[in-house]
Amino acid sequence: MNPLTAELAPGAALQLWPQRAAFDAALGMLLIADAHLGKAQSFRRLGVPVPAGTTAEALARLDGLIAATGARHIVFLGDLLHSERALAPGTLAAFRAWRARHAAVTMTLVRGNHDERAGDPPADLQIAAVDGPLRLGPWALQHHPAPVAGAYALAGHVHPCVVLGGRAKDQLRLPCFHFGAQVGVLPAFGGFTGMHALPRQPGDRLFAVADTVVEVPPRKSSSAS
């Protein structure tokens, strides 16, 4: 699956990947928002019967993205682990094995609200945890969407989606990248997450994610006859 490149500001471009990730080729930096690793495990430990395998699927997608992009640095834009319950032995073992496969890749977590509850990743995973905004190149990297003076902000948290179609019964909701004038929001990387359609302001650019990434034009306003 090939990415679509979007220029968001002068000298600030991102590759948007169908795997729900963004890549800055100039910095060799892969951006992942809201992975929520261990979320399904957290619910199962509470007795909620949800599907297994979501963490393995997310890590496999990360494997593919690292291979495809040659990323030298991964920045997680918050909510890497879902909760303390996500630190189950099976989840941690899979995470450690994945990290060992990519020991040469620098990894940074910009803490989000779920990270406050789950705690920083175990030290042996060698994932530096910082508070946002993290300034790298033209970007201000953080979890909650908010403008940052002198930079284009990239965030997660709200799990954006776009609603396609007309009548309610015919509508399709797809995860999306939502880029405003000063702030861009990445789709949730985790597969076991909800979605939220953000208000679209004039000039906002939306990129729907399915098998490919496609820019969604603004709806034409209807005029009275």
N, C-alpha and C. Protein backbone atom coordinates (compact mmCIF):
# COMPACT_ATOMS: atom_id res chain seq x y z
N MET A 1 0.85 -1.19 0.00
CA MET A 1 0.00 0.00 0.00
C MET A 1 0.88 1.24 0.00
N ASN A 2 0.63 2.13 -0.94
CA ASN A 2 1.46 3.30 -1.10
C ASN A 2 0.87 4.50 -0.36
N PRO A 3 1.76 5.41 0.08
CA PRO A 3 1.28 6.60 0.80
C PRO A 3 0.88 7.71 -0.15
N LEU A 4 0.22 8.70 0.39
CA LEU A 4 -0.09 9.94 -0.30
C LEU A 4 0.66 11.05 0.44
N THR A 5 1.34 11.92 -0.29
CA THR A 5 2.12 12.99 0.34
C THR A 5 1.29 14.27 0.39
N ALA A 6 1.25 14.89 1.56
CA ALA A 6 0.50 16.13 1.76
C ALA A 6 1.45 17.20 2.28
N GLU A 7 1.47 18.35 1.61
CA GLU A 7 2.25 19.49 2.09
C GLU A 7 1.33 20.33 2.97
N LEU A 8 1.69 20.48 4.22
CA LEU A 8 0.82 21.15 5.19
C LEU A 8 1.23 22.60 5.45
N ALA A 9 2.49 22.90 5.18
CA ALA A 9 3.03 24.25 5.33
C ALA A 9 4.31 24.28 4.53
N PRO A 10 4.84 25.46 4.23
CA PRO A 10 6.10 25.51 3.48
C PRO A 10 7.20 24.71 4.17
N GLY A 11 7.75 23.75 3.45
CA GLY A 11 8.80 22.91 4.02
C GLY A 11 8.32 21.88 5.01
N ALA A 12 7.01 21.66 5.10
CA ALA A 12 6.44 20.71 6.06
C ALA A 12 5.50 19.77 5.32
N ALA A 13 6.02 18.59 4.98
CA ALA A 13 5.23 17.61 4.24
C ALA A 13 5.26 16.27 4.97
N LEU A 14 4.17 15.52 4.83
CA LEU A 14 4.07 14.21 5.44
C LEU A 14 3.58 13.20 4.41
N GLN A 15 4.13 12.00 4.49
CA GLN A 15 3.55 10.87 3.78
C GLN A 15 2.44 10.30 4.67
N LEU A 16 1.25 10.14 4.10
CA LEU A 16 0.12 9.59 4.84
C LEU A 16 -0.08 8.15 4.38
N TRP A 17 0.06 7.23 5.31
CA TRP A 17 0.03 5.80 4.99
C TRP A 17 -1.32 5.19 5.32
N PRO A 18 -1.80 4.26 4.47
CA PRO A 18 -3.08 3.60 4.76
C PRO A 18 -3.10 2.82 6.06
N GLN A 19 -1.92 2.51 6.59
CA GLN A 19 -1.84 1.81 7.88
C GLN A 19 -2.13 2.75 9.04
N ARG A 20 -2.61 3.96 8.75
CA ARG A 20 -3.00 4.97 9.74
C ARG A 20 -1.77 5.52 10.49
N ALA A 21 -0.77 5.89 9.72
CA ALA A 21 0.45 6.48 10.26
C ALA A 21 0.93 7.54 9.29
N ALA A 22 1.78 8.44 9.78
CA ALA A 22 2.38 9.48 8.95
C ALA A 22 3.89 9.39 9.05
N PHE A 23 4.57 9.81 7.97
CA PHE A 23 6.02 9.70 7.92
C PHE A 23 6.61 10.98 7.36
N ASP A 24 7.58 11.54 8.08
CA ASP A 24 8.35 12.69 7.61
C ASP A 24 9.64 12.13 7.03
N ALA A 25 9.72 12.12 5.70
CA ALA A 25 10.89 11.51 5.05
C ALA A 25 12.16 12.30 5.32
N ALA A 26 12.04 13.63 5.45
CA ALA A 26 13.21 14.45 5.69
C ALA A 26 13.85 14.14 7.04
N LEU A 27 13.03 13.82 8.03
CA LEU A 27 13.53 13.53 9.37
C LEU A 27 13.66 12.03 9.63
N GLY A 28 13.17 11.20 8.70
CA GLY A 28 13.17 9.76 8.94
C GLY A 28 12.29 9.38 10.11
N MET A 29 11.20 10.13 10.31
CA MET A 29 10.39 10.01 11.53
C MET A 29 8.99 9.49 11.21
N LEU A 30 8.64 8.40 11.87
CA LEU A 30 7.32 7.80 11.74
C LEU A 30 6.47 8.25 12.92
N LEU A 31 5.25 8.69 12.63
CA LEU A 31 4.34 9.22 13.65
C LEU A 31 3.16 8.27 13.82
N ILE A 32 2.92 7.88 15.07
CA ILE A 32 1.85 6.94 15.41
C ILE A 32 1.02 7.56 16.53
N ALA A 33 -0.27 7.67 16.33
CA ALA A 33 -1.15 8.22 17.36
C ALA A 33 -2.07 7.13 17.90
N ASP A 34 -2.24 7.11 19.20
CA ASP A 34 -3.28 6.30 19.83
C ASP A 34 -3.20 4.82 19.44
N ALA A 35 -2.06 4.22 19.72
CA ALA A 35 -1.92 2.78 19.45
C ALA A 35 -2.78 1.96 20.40
N HIS A 36 -2.93 2.41 21.64
CA HIS A 36 -3.76 1.72 22.64
C HIS A 36 -3.42 0.24 22.71
N LEU A 37 -2.13 -0.07 22.75
CA LEU A 37 -1.73 -1.48 22.85
C LEU A 37 -2.28 -2.07 24.15
N GLY A 38 -2.77 -3.29 24.04
CA GLY A 38 -3.31 -3.98 25.21
C GLY A 38 -4.73 -3.59 25.57
N LYS A 39 -5.40 -2.83 24.71
CA LYS A 39 -6.77 -2.41 25.05
C LYS A 39 -7.71 -3.60 25.14
N ALA A 40 -7.65 -4.49 24.15
CA ALA A 40 -8.53 -5.65 24.19
C ALA A 40 -8.23 -6.51 25.41
N GLN A 41 -6.94 -6.69 25.72
CA GLN A 41 -6.56 -7.45 26.91
C GLN A 41 -7.10 -6.80 28.17
N SER A 42 -7.06 -5.47 28.22
CA SER A 42 -7.60 -4.75 29.38
C SER A 42 -9.07 -5.06 29.58
N PHE A 43 -9.84 -5.08 28.49
CA PHE A 43 -11.27 -5.37 28.60
C PHE A 43 -11.51 -6.83 28.97
N ARG A 44 -10.71 -7.73 28.41
CA ARG A 44 -10.90 -9.15 28.75
C ARG A 44 -10.61 -9.41 30.22
N ARG A 45 -9.62 -8.68 30.78
CA ARG A 45 -9.31 -8.86 32.20
C ARG A 45 -10.43 -8.32 33.08
N LEU A 46 -11.29 -7.49 32.51
CA LEU A 46 -12.47 -7.01 33.23
C LEU A 46 -13.68 -7.91 32.99
N GLY A 47 -13.48 -8.98 32.20
CA GLY A 47 -14.57 -9.90 31.94
C GLY A 47 -15.40 -9.57 30.72
N VAL A 48 -14.95 -8.59 29.91
CA VAL A 48 -15.69 -8.22 28.70
C VAL A 48 -15.17 -9.07 27.55
N PRO A 49 -16.04 -9.85 26.87
CA PRO A 49 -15.59 -10.75 25.81
C PRO A 49 -15.34 -10.00 24.50
N VAL A 50 -14.12 -9.54 24.30
CA VAL A 50 -13.77 -8.82 23.07
C VAL A 50 -12.73 -9.65 22.32
N PRO A 51 -12.57 -9.40 21.00
CA PRO A 51 -11.65 -10.22 20.20
C PRO A 51 -10.21 -10.10 20.68
N ALA A 52 -9.46 -11.18 20.53
CA ALA A 52 -8.04 -11.19 20.83
C ALA A 52 -7.24 -10.86 19.57
N GLY A 53 -5.96 -10.59 19.75
CA GLY A 53 -5.07 -10.42 18.60
C GLY A 53 -4.87 -9.00 18.13
N THR A 54 -5.47 -8.01 18.80
CA THR A 54 -5.35 -6.64 18.32
C THR A 54 -3.93 -6.10 18.49
N THR A 55 -3.27 -6.45 19.59
CA THR A 55 -1.90 -5.98 19.79
C THR A 55 -0.96 -6.60 18.77
N ALA A 56 -1.09 -7.90 18.51
CA ALA A 56 -0.25 -8.55 17.51
C ALA A 56 -0.45 -7.93 16.14
N GLU A 57 -1.69 -7.60 15.81
CA GLU A 57 -1.98 -6.99 14.50
C GLU A 57 -1.34 -5.61 14.42
N ALA A 58 -1.42 -4.81 15.49
CA ALA A 58 -0.83 -3.48 15.49
C ALA A 58 0.69 -3.56 15.35
N LEU A 59 1.32 -4.48 16.06
CA LEU A 59 2.77 -4.62 15.97
C LEU A 59 3.20 -5.10 14.59
N ALA A 60 2.40 -5.94 13.96
CA ALA A 60 2.71 -6.40 12.61
C ALA A 60 2.62 -5.23 11.62
N ARG A 61 1.64 -4.36 11.81
CA ARG A 61 1.55 -3.17 10.94
C ARG A 61 2.75 -2.26 11.15
N LEU A 62 3.19 -2.13 12.39
CA LEU A 62 4.39 -1.34 12.66
C LEU A 62 5.61 -1.96 11.99
N ASP A 63 5.74 -3.27 12.03
CA ASP A 63 6.83 -3.95 11.32
C ASP A 63 6.84 -3.54 9.85
N GLY A 64 5.66 -3.60 9.22
CA GLY A 64 5.56 -3.27 7.81
C GLY A 64 5.91 -1.83 7.51
N LEU A 65 5.48 -0.93 8.39
CA LEU A 65 5.77 0.50 8.18
C LEU A 65 7.26 0.79 8.32
N ILE A 66 7.91 0.18 9.29
CA ILE A 66 9.35 0.40 9.47
C ILE A 66 10.10 -0.12 8.24
N ALA A 67 9.69 -1.29 7.74
CA ALA A 67 10.35 -1.84 6.56
C ALA A 67 10.12 -0.96 5.33
N ALA A 68 8.91 -0.44 5.18
CA ALA A 68 8.56 0.34 3.99
C ALA A 68 9.18 1.72 4.00
N THR A 69 9.30 2.34 5.17
CA THR A 69 9.78 3.72 5.25
C THR A 69 11.26 3.83 5.58
N GLY A 70 11.82 2.79 6.20
CA GLY A 70 13.18 2.92 6.70
C GLY A 70 13.28 3.90 7.86
N ALA A 71 12.22 4.02 8.64
CA ALA A 71 12.17 4.99 9.73
C ALA A 71 13.33 4.80 10.70
N ARG A 72 13.93 5.92 11.08
CA ARG A 72 15.00 5.91 12.08
C ARG A 72 14.50 6.30 13.46
N HIS A 73 13.32 6.91 13.50
CA HIS A 73 12.76 7.42 14.76
C HIS A 73 11.24 7.24 14.70
N ILE A 74 10.68 6.65 15.73
CA ILE A 74 9.23 6.57 15.86
C ILE A 74 8.81 7.45 17.02
N VAL A 75 7.85 8.33 16.76
CA VAL A 75 7.27 9.15 17.83
C VAL A 75 5.81 8.72 17.99
N PHE A 76 5.48 8.25 19.19
CA PHE A 76 4.10 7.89 19.52
C PHE A 76 3.42 9.12 20.10
N LEU A 77 2.35 9.57 19.47
CA LEU A 77 1.66 10.78 19.90
C LEU A 77 0.63 10.47 20.98
N GLY A 78 1.07 9.82 22.02
CA GLY A 78 0.21 9.58 23.17
C GLY A 78 -0.60 8.30 23.08
N ASP A 79 -1.00 7.82 24.27
CA ASP A 79 -1.84 6.63 24.42
C ASP A 79 -1.22 5.41 23.73
N LEU A 80 0.03 5.17 24.05
CA LEU A 80 0.73 3.99 23.53
C LEU A 80 0.15 2.73 24.16
N LEU A 81 0.07 2.69 25.50
CA LEU A 81 -0.55 1.59 26.22
C LEU A 81 -1.91 2.06 26.74
N HIS A 82 -2.88 1.16 26.73
CA HIS A 82 -4.23 1.58 27.08
C HIS A 82 -4.41 1.83 28.57
N SER A 83 -3.84 0.97 29.41
CA SER A 83 -4.04 1.09 30.85
C SER A 83 -3.01 0.22 31.56
N GLU A 84 -3.03 0.25 32.89
CA GLU A 84 -2.15 -0.64 33.66
C GLU A 84 -2.45 -2.10 33.36
N ARG A 85 -3.72 -2.41 33.07
CA ARG A 85 -4.09 -3.80 32.77
C ARG A 85 -3.47 -4.27 31.46
N ALA A 86 -3.04 -3.30 30.60
CA ALA A 86 -2.40 -3.68 29.34
C ALA A 86 -1.01 -4.28 29.57
N LEU A 87 -0.46 -4.08 30.78
CA LEU A 87 0.88 -4.60 31.09
C LEU A 87 0.82 -6.06 31.50
N ALA A 88 -0.05 -6.80 30.86
CA ALA A 88 -0.15 -8.24 31.12
C ALA A 88 1.08 -8.94 30.55
N PRO A 89 1.49 -10.08 31.11
CA PRO A 89 2.71 -10.76 30.64
C PRO A 89 2.72 -11.02 29.14
N GLY A 90 1.59 -11.45 28.58
CA GLY A 90 1.55 -11.75 27.15
C GLY A 90 1.76 -10.52 26.29
N THR A 91 1.10 -9.43 26.67
CA THR A 91 1.25 -8.18 25.91
C THR A 91 2.68 -7.67 26.00
N LEU A 92 3.24 -7.68 27.20
CA LEU A 92 4.61 -7.20 27.37
C LEU A 92 5.61 -8.07 26.63
N ALA A 93 5.40 -9.37 26.62
CA ALA A 93 6.32 -10.26 25.91
C ALA A 93 6.31 -9.97 24.41
N ALA A 94 5.11 -9.77 23.85
CA ALA A 94 5.01 -9.44 22.43
C ALA A 94 5.66 -8.09 22.14
N PHE A 95 5.44 -7.12 23.02
CA PHE A 95 6.01 -5.79 22.84
C PHE A 95 7.53 -5.84 22.92
N ARG A 96 8.05 -6.59 23.87
CA ARG A 96 9.51 -6.69 24.01
C ARG A 96 10.14 -7.38 22.80
N ALA A 97 9.49 -8.41 22.30
CA ALA A 97 10.02 -9.09 21.12
C ALA A 97 10.03 -8.16 19.91
N TRP A 98 8.96 -7.38 19.77
CA TRP A 98 8.90 -6.40 18.68
C TRP A 98 10.00 -5.36 18.83
N ARG A 99 10.19 -4.84 20.06
CA ARG A 99 11.22 -3.81 20.27
C ARG A 99 12.61 -4.37 19.96
N ALA A 100 12.85 -5.61 20.29
CA ALA A 100 14.15 -6.22 20.03
C ALA A 100 14.42 -6.32 18.53
N ARG A 101 13.36 -6.50 17.74
CA ARG A 101 13.54 -6.57 16.28
C ARG A 101 13.95 -5.22 15.71
N HIS A 102 13.67 -4.15 16.44
CA HIS A 102 13.93 -2.80 15.93
C HIS A 102 14.78 -2.02 16.93
N ALA A 103 15.81 -2.68 17.44
CA ALA A 103 16.64 -2.07 18.48
C ALA A 103 17.37 -0.83 17.99
N ALA A 104 17.61 -0.73 16.68
CA ALA A 104 18.35 0.42 16.15
C ALA A 104 17.46 1.65 15.94
N VAL A 105 16.15 1.50 16.09
CA VAL A 105 15.23 2.61 15.87
C VAL A 105 15.02 3.37 17.17
N THR A 106 15.23 4.68 17.14
CA THR A 106 14.94 5.52 18.30
C THR A 106 13.44 5.63 18.47
N MET A 107 12.96 5.56 19.70
CA MET A 107 11.52 5.64 19.95
C MET A 107 11.24 6.62 21.09
N THR A 108 10.22 7.43 20.87
CA THR A 108 9.82 8.45 21.84
C THR A 108 8.32 8.41 22.01
N LEU A 109 7.87 8.50 23.24
CA LEU A 109 6.45 8.62 23.56
C LEU A 109 6.18 10.03 24.08
N VAL A 110 5.28 10.75 23.41
CA VAL A 110 4.77 12.01 23.95
C VAL A 110 3.52 11.63 24.75
N ARG A 111 3.60 11.79 26.05
CA ARG A 111 2.57 11.24 26.93
C ARG A 111 1.17 11.78 26.61
N GLY A 112 0.19 10.86 26.69
CA GLY A 112 -1.21 11.21 26.55
C GLY A 112 -1.96 10.89 27.83
N ASN A 113 -3.27 11.04 27.79
CA ASN A 113 -4.06 10.83 29.00
C ASN A 113 -4.05 9.38 29.46
N HIS A 114 -4.04 8.43 28.53
CA HIS A 114 -3.99 7.02 28.94
C HIS A 114 -2.61 6.66 29.48
N ASP A 115 -1.58 7.32 28.99
CA ASP A 115 -0.24 7.05 29.51
C ASP A 115 -0.10 7.50 30.95
N GLU A 116 -0.85 8.51 31.35
CA GLU A 116 -0.83 8.93 32.75
C GLU A 116 -1.32 7.81 33.65
N ARG A 117 -2.28 7.03 33.16
CA ARG A 117 -2.82 5.93 33.97
C ARG A 117 -1.99 4.67 33.84
N ALA A 118 -1.49 4.41 32.62
CA ALA A 118 -0.71 3.18 32.40
C ALA A 118 0.70 3.31 32.93
N GLY A 119 1.21 4.55 33.02
CA GLY A 119 2.60 4.75 33.39
C GLY A 119 3.51 4.69 32.17
N ASP A 120 4.73 5.15 32.33
CA ASP A 120 5.69 5.11 31.23
C ASP A 120 6.01 3.66 30.87
N PRO A 121 6.39 3.40 29.62
CA PRO A 121 6.78 2.04 29.24
C PRO A 121 7.94 1.55 30.10
N PRO A 122 8.00 0.26 30.38
CA PRO A 122 9.13 -0.28 31.14
C PRO A 122 10.46 0.16 30.55
N ALA A 123 11.42 0.42 31.42
CA ALA A 123 12.70 1.01 30.99
C ALA A 123 13.42 0.15 29.96
N ASP A 124 13.28 -1.18 30.04
CA ASP A 124 14.01 -2.04 29.12
C ASP A 124 13.53 -1.94 27.68
N LEU A 125 12.37 -1.31 27.47
CA LEU A 125 11.88 -1.11 26.11
C LEU A 125 12.58 0.06 25.42
N GLN A 126 13.30 0.86 26.20
CA GLN A 126 14.06 1.98 25.66
C GLN A 126 13.19 2.88 24.79
N ILE A 127 12.07 3.30 25.37
CA ILE A 127 11.19 4.28 24.74
C ILE A 127 11.17 5.51 25.65
N ALA A 128 11.79 6.58 25.21
CA ALA A 128 11.85 7.80 26.02
C ALA A 128 10.45 8.41 26.11
N ALA A 129 10.02 8.75 27.31
CA ALA A 129 8.71 9.35 27.54
C ALA A 129 8.88 10.82 27.91
N VAL A 130 8.18 11.71 27.18
CA VAL A 130 8.29 13.15 27.41
C VAL A 130 6.90 13.76 27.40
N ASP A 131 6.80 14.93 27.99
CA ASP A 131 5.57 15.72 27.89
C ASP A 131 5.63 16.59 26.64
N GLY A 132 4.49 16.77 25.99
CA GLY A 132 4.44 17.61 24.81
C GLY A 132 4.25 19.07 25.15
N PRO A 133 4.45 19.94 24.17
CA PRO A 133 4.83 19.59 22.80
C PRO A 133 6.32 19.32 22.65
N LEU A 134 6.61 18.34 21.80
CA LEU A 134 7.98 18.01 21.43
C LEU A 134 8.26 18.67 20.09
N ARG A 135 9.23 19.57 20.06
CA ARG A 135 9.53 20.31 18.83
C ARG A 135 10.59 19.57 18.04
N LEU A 136 10.23 19.13 16.85
CA LEU A 136 11.15 18.47 15.93
C LEU A 136 10.88 18.99 14.53
N GLY A 137 11.90 19.57 13.89
CA GLY A 137 11.71 20.14 12.57
C GLY A 137 10.61 21.19 12.58
N PRO A 138 9.69 21.15 11.62
CA PRO A 138 8.61 22.14 11.59
C PRO A 138 7.44 21.80 12.50
N TRP A 139 7.54 20.71 13.24
CA TRP A 139 6.40 20.17 13.96
C TRP A 139 6.45 20.44 15.46
N ALA A 140 5.27 20.53 16.06
CA ALA A 140 5.10 20.46 17.51
C ALA A 140 4.28 19.21 17.75
N LEU A 141 4.89 18.20 18.34
CA LEU A 141 4.27 16.89 18.49
C LEU A 141 3.69 16.76 19.89
N GLN A 142 2.40 16.40 19.97
CA GLN A 142 1.71 16.35 21.25
C GLN A 142 0.53 15.39 21.14
N HIS A 143 -0.16 15.21 22.25
CA HIS A 143 -1.30 14.30 22.24
C HIS A 143 -2.61 15.04 21.99
N HIS A 144 -2.86 16.09 22.74
CA HIS A 144 -4.11 16.84 22.59
C HIS A 144 -3.97 17.89 21.50
N PRO A 145 -4.93 17.97 20.59
CA PRO A 145 -4.85 18.96 19.52
C PRO A 145 -4.97 20.39 20.06
N ALA A 146 -3.97 21.20 19.78
CA ALA A 146 -3.98 22.61 20.19
C ALA A 146 -2.89 23.32 19.41
N PRO A 147 -3.12 24.60 19.05
CA PRO A 147 -2.08 25.34 18.32
C PRO A 147 -0.84 25.55 19.18
N VAL A 148 0.31 25.62 18.52
CA VAL A 148 1.59 25.91 19.16
C VAL A 148 2.27 27.00 18.34
N ALA A 149 2.62 28.08 18.97
CA ALA A 149 3.22 29.20 18.26
C ALA A 149 4.51 28.78 17.56
N GLY A 150 4.65 29.17 16.31
CA GLY A 150 5.89 28.94 15.58
C GLY A 150 6.07 27.55 15.02
N ALA A 151 5.03 26.72 15.04
CA ALA A 151 5.16 25.36 14.53
C ALA A 151 3.79 24.87 14.07
N TYR A 152 3.80 23.82 13.26
CA TYR A 152 2.55 23.15 12.92
C TYR A 152 2.39 22.00 13.90
N ALA A 153 1.28 21.98 14.62
CA ALA A 153 1.05 20.98 15.66
C ALA A 153 0.46 19.71 15.06
N LEU A 154 0.98 18.57 15.50
CA LEU A 154 0.45 17.27 15.13
C LEU A 154 0.05 16.53 16.40
N ALA A 155 -1.15 15.95 16.40
CA ALA A 155 -1.68 15.36 17.63
C ALA A 155 -2.53 14.14 17.29
N GLY A 156 -3.09 13.57 18.34
CA GLY A 156 -4.00 12.44 18.21
C GLY A 156 -5.21 12.68 19.09
N HIS A 157 -5.50 11.74 19.98
CA HIS A 157 -6.48 11.84 21.06
C HIS A 157 -7.93 11.66 20.62
N VAL A 158 -8.36 12.32 19.54
CA VAL A 158 -9.79 12.33 19.23
C VAL A 158 -10.20 11.26 18.22
N HIS A 159 -9.24 10.51 17.65
CA HIS A 159 -9.57 9.43 16.72
C HIS A 159 -10.46 9.93 15.58
N PRO A 160 -9.97 10.84 14.75
CA PRO A 160 -10.85 11.48 13.76
C PRO A 160 -11.33 10.52 12.67
N CYS A 161 -12.51 10.83 12.15
CA CYS A 161 -13.05 10.09 11.02
C CYS A 161 -13.78 11.06 10.11
N VAL A 162 -14.07 10.59 8.91
CA VAL A 162 -14.86 11.36 7.96
C VAL A 162 -16.10 10.55 7.63
N VAL A 163 -17.22 11.24 7.50
CA VAL A 163 -18.49 10.60 7.18
C VAL A 163 -18.78 10.83 5.70
N LEU A 164 -18.88 9.75 4.95
CA LEU A 164 -19.12 9.83 3.51
C LEU A 164 -20.53 9.34 3.20
N GLY A 165 -21.10 9.91 2.17
CA GLY A 165 -22.45 9.51 1.77
C GLY A 165 -23.47 10.55 2.18
N GLY A 166 -24.69 10.34 1.78
CA GLY A 166 -25.75 11.31 2.03
C GLY A 166 -26.67 10.90 3.16
N ARG A 167 -27.66 10.08 2.87
CA ARG A 167 -28.62 9.67 3.88
C ARG A 167 -27.95 8.85 4.97
N ALA A 168 -28.53 8.94 6.15
CA ALA A 168 -27.91 8.29 7.31
C ALA A 168 -27.70 6.80 7.08
N LYS A 169 -28.65 6.14 6.44
CA LYS A 169 -28.54 4.70 6.24
C LYS A 169 -27.44 4.35 5.25
N ASP A 170 -27.05 5.31 4.41
CA ASP A 170 -26.05 5.06 3.38
C ASP A 170 -24.68 5.63 3.75
N GLN A 171 -24.54 6.15 4.96
CA GLN A 171 -23.29 6.80 5.32
C GLN A 171 -22.22 5.78 5.69
N LEU A 172 -20.99 6.15 5.39
CA LEU A 172 -19.83 5.32 5.70
C LEU A 172 -18.87 6.17 6.52
N ARG A 173 -18.42 5.64 7.64
CA ARG A 173 -17.45 6.32 8.48
C ARG A 173 -16.08 5.67 8.30
N LEU A 174 -15.10 6.48 7.95
CA LEU A 174 -13.75 5.99 7.75
C LEU A 174 -12.78 6.81 8.59
N PRO A 175 -11.75 6.17 9.16
CA PRO A 175 -10.73 6.96 9.86
C PRO A 175 -10.10 7.94 8.88
N CYS A 176 -9.61 9.05 9.41
CA CYS A 176 -9.04 10.05 8.51
C CYS A 176 -7.93 10.84 9.19
N PHE A 177 -7.11 11.46 8.37
CA PHE A 177 -6.20 12.52 8.80
C PHE A 177 -6.95 13.83 8.62
N HIS A 178 -6.97 14.65 9.67
CA HIS A 178 -7.71 15.92 9.62
C HIS A 178 -6.71 17.06 9.87
N PHE A 179 -6.46 17.86 8.83
CA PHE A 179 -5.46 18.91 8.92
C PHE A 179 -6.13 20.29 8.81
N GLY A 180 -5.98 21.07 9.90
CA GLY A 180 -6.45 22.44 9.88
C GLY A 180 -5.30 23.38 9.57
N ALA A 181 -5.55 24.68 9.75
CA ALA A 181 -4.54 25.68 9.41
C ALA A 181 -3.31 25.58 10.30
N GLN A 182 -3.50 25.22 11.57
CA GLN A 182 -2.39 25.19 12.52
C GLN A 182 -2.19 23.85 13.20
N VAL A 183 -3.21 22.98 13.13
CA VAL A 183 -3.18 21.72 13.88
C VAL A 183 -3.65 20.58 12.97
N GLY A 184 -2.90 19.49 12.99
CA GLY A 184 -3.31 18.28 12.30
C GLY A 184 -3.54 17.16 13.29
N VAL A 185 -4.53 16.33 13.02
CA VAL A 185 -4.86 15.21 13.91
C VAL A 185 -4.78 13.91 13.12
N LEU A 186 -4.01 12.98 13.66
CA LEU A 186 -3.83 11.68 13.01
C LEU A 186 -4.92 10.71 13.45
N PRO A 187 -5.26 9.76 12.59
CA PRO A 187 -6.22 8.73 13.00
C PRO A 187 -5.61 7.82 14.06
N ALA A 188 -6.47 7.18 14.82
CA ALA A 188 -5.99 6.22 15.81
C ALA A 188 -5.35 5.03 15.11
N PHE A 189 -4.15 4.68 15.55
CA PHE A 189 -3.45 3.53 14.97
C PHE A 189 -4.05 2.22 15.46
N GLY A 190 -4.50 2.19 16.70
CA GLY A 190 -5.07 0.97 17.27
C GLY A 190 -6.34 0.56 16.55
N GLY A 191 -6.52 -0.74 16.42
CA GLY A 191 -7.68 -1.24 15.70
C GLY A 191 -8.94 -1.34 16.54
N PHE A 192 -8.81 -1.30 17.86
CA PHE A 192 -9.96 -1.49 18.74
C PHE A 192 -10.30 -0.16 19.42
N THR A 193 -10.61 0.83 18.57
CA THR A 193 -10.87 2.18 19.07
C THR A 193 -12.11 2.75 18.38
N GLY A 194 -12.74 3.74 19.01
CA GLY A 194 -13.85 4.43 18.40
C GLY A 194 -13.35 5.54 17.49
N MET A 195 -14.29 6.26 16.88
CA MET A 195 -13.94 7.35 15.98
C MET A 195 -14.87 8.54 16.22
N HIS A 196 -14.38 9.72 15.87
CA HIS A 196 -15.14 10.95 16.09
C HIS A 196 -14.96 11.87 14.90
N ALA A 197 -16.06 12.34 14.34
CA ALA A 197 -16.01 13.27 13.20
C ALA A 197 -15.86 14.69 13.72
N LEU A 198 -14.73 15.32 13.43
CA LEU A 198 -14.49 16.69 13.85
C LEU A 198 -15.20 17.67 12.93
N PRO A 199 -15.61 18.82 13.45
CA PRO A 199 -16.17 19.85 12.56
C PRO A 199 -15.15 20.24 11.51
N ARG A 200 -15.60 20.39 10.29
CA ARG A 200 -14.70 20.78 9.20
C ARG A 200 -14.81 22.28 8.96
N GLN A 201 -13.72 22.97 9.22
CA GLN A 201 -13.68 24.41 9.01
C GLN A 201 -13.23 24.71 7.58
N PRO A 202 -13.59 25.90 7.06
CA PRO A 202 -13.12 26.26 5.72
C PRO A 202 -11.59 26.16 5.63
N GLY A 203 -11.13 25.51 4.60
CA GLY A 203 -9.69 25.34 4.42
C GLY A 203 -9.12 24.07 5.01
N ASP A 204 -9.87 23.37 5.86
CA ASP A 204 -9.40 22.11 6.42
C ASP A 204 -9.26 21.07 5.31
N ARG A 205 -8.26 20.21 5.45
CA ARG A 205 -8.04 19.12 4.50
C ARG A 205 -8.23 17.79 5.21
N LEU A 206 -9.07 16.94 4.63
CA LEU A 206 -9.36 15.63 5.20
C LEU A 206 -8.90 14.55 4.23
N PHE A 207 -8.26 13.53 4.78
CA PHE A 207 -7.77 12.42 3.97
C PHE A 207 -8.34 11.13 4.56
N ALA A 208 -9.25 10.50 3.83
CA ALA A 208 -9.88 9.27 4.30
C ALA A 208 -8.93 8.11 4.12
N VAL A 209 -9.01 7.16 5.05
CA VAL A 209 -8.13 5.99 5.05
C VAL A 209 -8.97 4.74 4.83
N ALA A 210 -8.66 4.05 3.76
CA ALA A 210 -9.23 2.72 3.52
C ALA A 210 -8.07 1.85 3.02
N ASP A 211 -8.21 1.22 1.86
CA ASP A 211 -7.08 0.49 1.30
C ASP A 211 -6.01 1.46 0.81
N THR A 212 -6.42 2.67 0.48
CA THR A 212 -5.52 3.74 0.10
C THR A 212 -5.92 4.99 0.89
N VAL A 213 -5.13 6.05 0.77
CA VAL A 213 -5.46 7.33 1.38
C VAL A 213 -5.93 8.27 0.28
N VAL A 214 -7.10 8.86 0.47
CA VAL A 214 -7.71 9.71 -0.55
C VAL A 214 -8.15 11.02 0.09
N GLU A 215 -7.81 12.14 -0.56
CA GLU A 215 -8.27 13.42 -0.04
C GLU A 215 -9.77 13.58 -0.32
N VAL A 216 -10.49 14.04 0.67
CA VAL A 216 -11.94 14.20 0.58
C VAL A 216 -12.25 15.67 0.32
N PRO A 217 -12.82 16.00 -0.84
CA PRO A 217 -13.12 17.41 -1.11
C PRO A 217 -14.23 17.91 -0.20
N PRO A 218 -14.26 19.21 0.08
CA PRO A 218 -15.35 19.75 0.89
C PRO A 218 -16.68 19.60 0.18
N ARG A 219 -17.73 19.45 0.93
CA ARG A 219 -19.06 19.33 0.34
C ARG A 219 -19.47 20.67 -0.25
N LYS A 220 -20.10 20.60 -1.42
CA LYS A 220 -20.62 21.83 -2.02
C LYS A 220 -21.87 22.25 -1.28
N SER A 221 -21.95 23.53 -0.95
CA SER A 221 -23.14 24.02 -0.27
C SER A 221 -24.29 24.10 -1.25
N SER A 222 -25.47 23.66 -0.81
CA SER A 222 -26.63 23.70 -1.67
C SER A 222 -27.25 25.07 -1.64
N SER A 223 -27.68 25.55 -2.77
CA SER A 223 -28.31 26.89 -2.86
C SER A 223 -29.78 26.73 -3.14
N ALA A 224 -30.54 27.64 -2.60
CA ALA A 224 -31.98 27.58 -2.79
C ALA A 224 -32.32 27.96 -4.22
N SER A 225 -33.30 27.29 -4.82
CA SER A 225 -33.70 27.57 -6.20
C SER A 225 -34.69 28.71 -6.23
